[in-house]
Amino acid sequence: ALFLIGTLYLYVIKIFLNGELLNKSLFFILSLTFSLAIPGVILLRNYDENKTVLKISNVLLYSFIPLMVLQIIAMNVRVGDYGLTESRYMGYLLILFEIIFIALMIIKNSKYLDKIILVFAGFIIVGILTPLNVFDVPVYSQTARITKMLKTVDNFENLTAKEKNECKKAYIYVKRSFIPEYLDKNLSKEEKEAIEN
């Protein structure tokens, strides 16, 4: 876990030095690092009262905090470019879960870590049963992308080839969703026909 985190810090330095764009796989790598490092921290903290072991666990814990900021940036770049999807929605929930998890690890030396089960249950309720659920919010996001692009021109044919392709992808995403009728509320018949053609 320390090796993974160290490698990610080198990557962060490379981003700042080269002005390099964030790799699309960065979020996955960071999430994988969290899933490997944090269980290790928990095991180390419960290993014994050895001060060296406790220091290693603290280094792992605190060194991941800046990487969560990088996760947020990476996710925002993807959503900014391609809109929200179900997997990106789940990605945001994972980031929020990580923030709360690490906060509970830090507060009073993990005294309240058992409350993470309630947090997880809360996320399930929000993600499935509320209007902010994992199915509807991405549909709103993708529909908003289409309408935003169409507002910049008189008609669909005046969009660039790249914009037309992005409209098509977003349209297909919404069409295959649980609420395809949302397109009827936001796009005219002519706009839908143009995208479909």
Protein backbone atom coordinates (compact mmCIF):
# COMPACT_ATOMS: atom_id res chain seq x y z
CA ALA A 1 0.00 0.00 0.00
CA LEU A 2 2.86 2.38 0.83
CA PHE A 3 4.45 1.60 -2.55
CA LEU A 4 1.16 2.32 -4.37
CA ILE A 5 0.67 5.62 -2.55
CA GLY A 6 4.30 6.59 -3.20
CA THR A 7 3.88 5.85 -6.92
CA LEU A 8 0.70 7.96 -7.01
CA TYR A 9 2.54 10.87 -5.38
CA LEU A 10 5.18 10.65 -8.13
CA TYR A 11 2.36 10.76 -10.68
CA VAL A 12 0.92 13.89 -8.99
CA ILE A 13 4.35 15.58 -9.24
CA LYS A 14 4.48 14.62 -12.93
CA ILE A 15 1.04 16.19 -13.50
CA PHE A 16 2.14 19.49 -11.94
CA LEU A 17 5.53 19.58 -13.69
CA ASN A 18 4.30 18.66 -17.18
CA GLY A 19 0.81 20.17 -17.02
CA GLU A 20 -0.31 16.72 -18.11
CA LEU A 21 -4.01 15.91 -18.30
CA LEU A 22 -5.35 13.40 -15.81
CA ASN A 23 -5.41 9.85 -17.12
CA LYS A 24 -8.93 8.42 -17.34
CA SER A 25 -7.85 5.35 -15.35
CA LEU A 26 -6.57 7.48 -12.46
CA PHE A 27 -9.83 7.32 -10.51
CA PHE A 28 -9.84 3.51 -10.72
CA ILE A 29 -6.21 3.33 -9.53
CA LEU A 30 -6.93 5.67 -6.60
CA SER A 31 -10.05 3.71 -5.60
CA LEU A 32 -8.09 0.45 -5.76
CA THR A 33 -5.38 2.00 -3.60
CA PHE A 34 -8.01 3.01 -1.03
CA SER A 35 -9.50 -0.49 -0.99
CA LEU A 36 -6.02 -2.00 -0.41
CA ALA A 37 -4.55 0.59 1.95
CA ILE A 38 -7.40 1.25 4.37
CA PRO A 39 -8.02 -2.40 5.40
CA GLY A 40 -4.26 -2.54 5.95
CA VAL A 41 -4.48 0.50 8.23
CA ILE A 42 -7.30 -1.13 10.23
CA LEU A 43 -5.30 -4.34 10.61
CA LEU A 44 -2.18 -2.44 11.67
CA ARG A 45 -4.10 -0.38 14.22
CA ASN A 46 -5.52 -3.53 15.78
CA TYR A 47 -2.24 -5.45 15.60
CA ASP A 48 -0.81 -4.34 18.95
CA GLU A 49 0.36 -1.24 20.77
CA ASN A 50 3.68 -1.15 18.88
CA LYS A 51 4.49 2.52 18.21
CA THR A 52 6.27 1.79 14.91
CA VAL A 53 3.24 -0.13 13.59
CA LEU A 54 0.95 2.72 14.69
CA LYS A 55 3.16 5.28 12.91
CA ILE A 56 3.07 3.26 9.68
CA SER A 57 -0.72 3.06 9.87
CA ASN A 58 -0.94 6.83 10.44
CA VAL A 59 1.37 7.52 7.47
CA LEU A 60 -0.88 5.38 5.25
CA LEU A 61 -4.02 7.07 6.55
CA TYR A 62 -2.89 10.70 6.29
CA SER A 63 -1.01 10.25 3.01
CA PHE A 64 -4.24 9.16 1.31
CA ILE A 65 -6.07 12.41 2.16
CA PRO A 66 -4.45 14.50 -0.66
CA LEU A 67 -5.11 11.62 -3.05
CA MET A 68 -8.84 11.97 -2.33
CA VAL A 69 -8.59 15.54 -3.65
CA LEU A 70 -6.99 14.09 -6.79
CA GLN A 71 -9.87 11.61 -7.04
CA ILE A 72 -12.39 14.47 -6.92
CA ILE A 73 -10.48 16.36 -9.64
CA ALA A 74 -10.25 13.24 -11.83
CA MET A 75 -13.98 12.54 -11.45
CA ASN A 76 -14.91 16.18 -12.12
CA VAL A 77 -12.83 16.15 -15.32
CA ARG A 78 -14.67 13.03 -16.57
CA VAL A 79 -18.12 14.36 -15.64
CA GLY A 80 -17.29 17.79 -17.12
CA ASP A 81 -16.28 16.17 -20.42
CA TYR A 82 -18.84 13.37 -20.69
CA GLY A 83 -21.61 14.02 -18.15
CA LEU A 84 -22.76 11.91 -15.24
CA THR A 85 -23.41 8.18 -15.67
CA GLU A 86 -24.41 5.51 -13.17
CA SER A 87 -20.79 4.46 -12.67
CA ARG A 88 -19.63 8.06 -12.15
CA TYR A 89 -22.50 8.64 -9.73
CA MET A 90 -21.26 5.59 -7.78
CA GLY A 91 -17.75 7.05 -8.02
CA TYR A 92 -18.88 10.23 -6.26
CA LEU A 93 -20.57 8.12 -3.56
CA LEU A 94 -17.31 6.19 -3.14
CA ILE A 95 -15.36 9.44 -2.69
CA LEU A 96 -17.86 10.64 -0.09
CA PHE A 97 -17.68 7.26 1.64
CA GLU A 98 -13.86 7.49 1.71
CA ILE A 99 -13.97 10.99 3.22
CA ILE A 100 -16.38 9.91 5.97
CA PHE A 101 -14.46 6.66 6.56
CA ILE A 102 -11.12 8.44 6.98
CA ALA A 103 -12.72 11.12 9.18
CA LEU A 104 -14.11 8.37 11.44
CA MET A 105 -10.66 6.72 11.50
CA ILE A 106 -9.07 9.99 12.64
CA ILE A 107 -11.71 11.08 15.19
CA LYS A 108 -10.75 9.76 18.62
CA ASN A 109 -8.52 7.05 17.13
CA SER A 110 -11.29 5.14 15.30
CA LYS A 111 -13.67 5.18 18.27
CA TYR A 112 -16.66 5.86 16.00
CA LEU A 113 -15.63 3.68 13.05
CA ASP A 114 -18.51 1.28 13.69
CA LYS A 115 -20.88 4.07 12.51
CA ILE A 116 -19.65 3.48 8.95
CA ILE A 117 -22.37 0.82 8.59
CA LEU A 118 -25.01 3.55 9.11
CA VAL A 119 -23.27 5.72 6.50
CA PHE A 120 -23.29 2.84 4.03
CA ALA A 121 -27.00 2.20 4.69
CA GLY A 122 -27.69 5.92 4.20
CA PHE A 123 -25.93 5.86 0.83
CA ILE A 124 -28.04 2.89 -0.28
CA ILE A 125 -31.23 4.75 0.70
CA VAL A 126 -30.16 7.95 -1.11
CA GLY A 127 -28.90 6.05 -4.16
CA ILE A 128 -32.08 4.01 -4.63
CA LEU A 129 -35.09 5.52 -2.86
CA THR A 130 -34.72 9.31 -3.11
CA PRO A 131 -35.13 11.68 -6.09
CA LEU A 132 -31.31 11.90 -6.11
CA ASN A 133 -31.06 8.23 -7.05
CA VAL A 134 -28.46 6.54 -9.25
CA PHE A 135 -30.93 6.06 -12.11
CA ASP A 136 -32.53 9.51 -12.47
CA VAL A 137 -29.66 11.93 -11.78
CA PRO A 138 -27.43 10.64 -14.64
CA VAL A 139 -30.41 10.91 -17.03
CA TYR A 140 -30.90 14.57 -16.04
CA SER A 141 -27.17 15.17 -16.52
CA GLN A 142 -27.02 13.58 -19.98
CA THR A 143 -30.20 15.37 -21.12
CA ALA A 144 -28.74 18.66 -19.88
CA ARG A 145 -25.61 18.00 -21.98
CA ILE A 146 -27.74 17.59 -25.10
CA THR A 147 -29.84 20.72 -24.49
CA LYS A 148 -26.72 22.76 -23.63
CA MET A 149 -25.06 21.82 -26.94
CA LEU A 150 -28.25 22.45 -28.93
CA LYS A 151 -28.68 25.92 -27.37
CA THR A 152 -25.37 27.04 -28.87
CA VAL A 153 -26.65 26.60 -32.46
CA ASP A 154 -29.81 27.13 -34.52
CA ASN A 155 -30.24 23.43 -35.26
CA PHE A 156 -28.55 20.08 -34.79
CA GLU A 157 -26.84 20.14 -38.20
CA ASN A 158 -24.80 23.21 -37.20
CA LEU A 159 -23.00 21.30 -34.45
CA THR A 160 -19.45 20.08 -35.06
CA ALA A 161 -18.91 16.38 -35.79
CA LYS A 162 -17.57 15.89 -32.24
CA GLU A 163 -20.59 17.62 -30.69
CA LYS A 164 -22.98 15.55 -32.83
CA ASN A 165 -21.25 12.40 -31.65
CA GLU A 166 -21.48 13.51 -28.01
CA CYS A 167 -25.19 14.33 -28.49
CA LYS A 168 -25.74 10.89 -29.99
CA LYS A 169 -23.97 9.13 -27.07
CA ALA A 170 -25.94 11.10 -24.47
CA TYR A 171 -29.19 10.51 -26.37
CA ILE A 172 -28.60 6.75 -26.52
CA TYR A 173 -27.77 6.74 -22.80
CA VAL A 174 -31.06 8.45 -21.91
CA LYS A 175 -33.04 6.37 -24.43
CA ARG A 176 -31.83 3.16 -22.72
CA SER A 177 -32.52 4.48 -19.23
CA PHE A 178 -35.44 3.94 -16.86
CA ILE A 179 -36.95 7.31 -17.87
CA PRO A 180 -36.52 7.75 -21.66
CA GLU A 181 -39.65 9.94 -21.66
CA TYR A 182 -37.47 12.64 -20.08
CA LEU A 183 -36.25 13.36 -23.63
CA ASP A 184 -39.82 14.28 -24.67
CA LYS A 185 -39.93 17.00 -21.99
CA ASN A 186 -36.64 18.60 -23.05
CA LEU A 187 -36.22 18.04 -26.78
CA SER A 188 -38.47 18.89 -29.69
CA LYS A 189 -39.62 16.22 -32.13
CA GLU A 190 -37.33 17.72 -34.79
CA GLU A 191 -34.29 17.65 -32.48
CA LYS A 192 -34.91 14.00 -31.55
CA GLU A 193 -35.32 13.03 -35.20
CA ALA A 194 -32.13 14.86 -36.17
CA ILE A 195 -30.14 13.04 -33.46
CA GLU A 196 -31.66 9.68 -34.35
CA ASN A 197 -30.89 10.18 -38.03
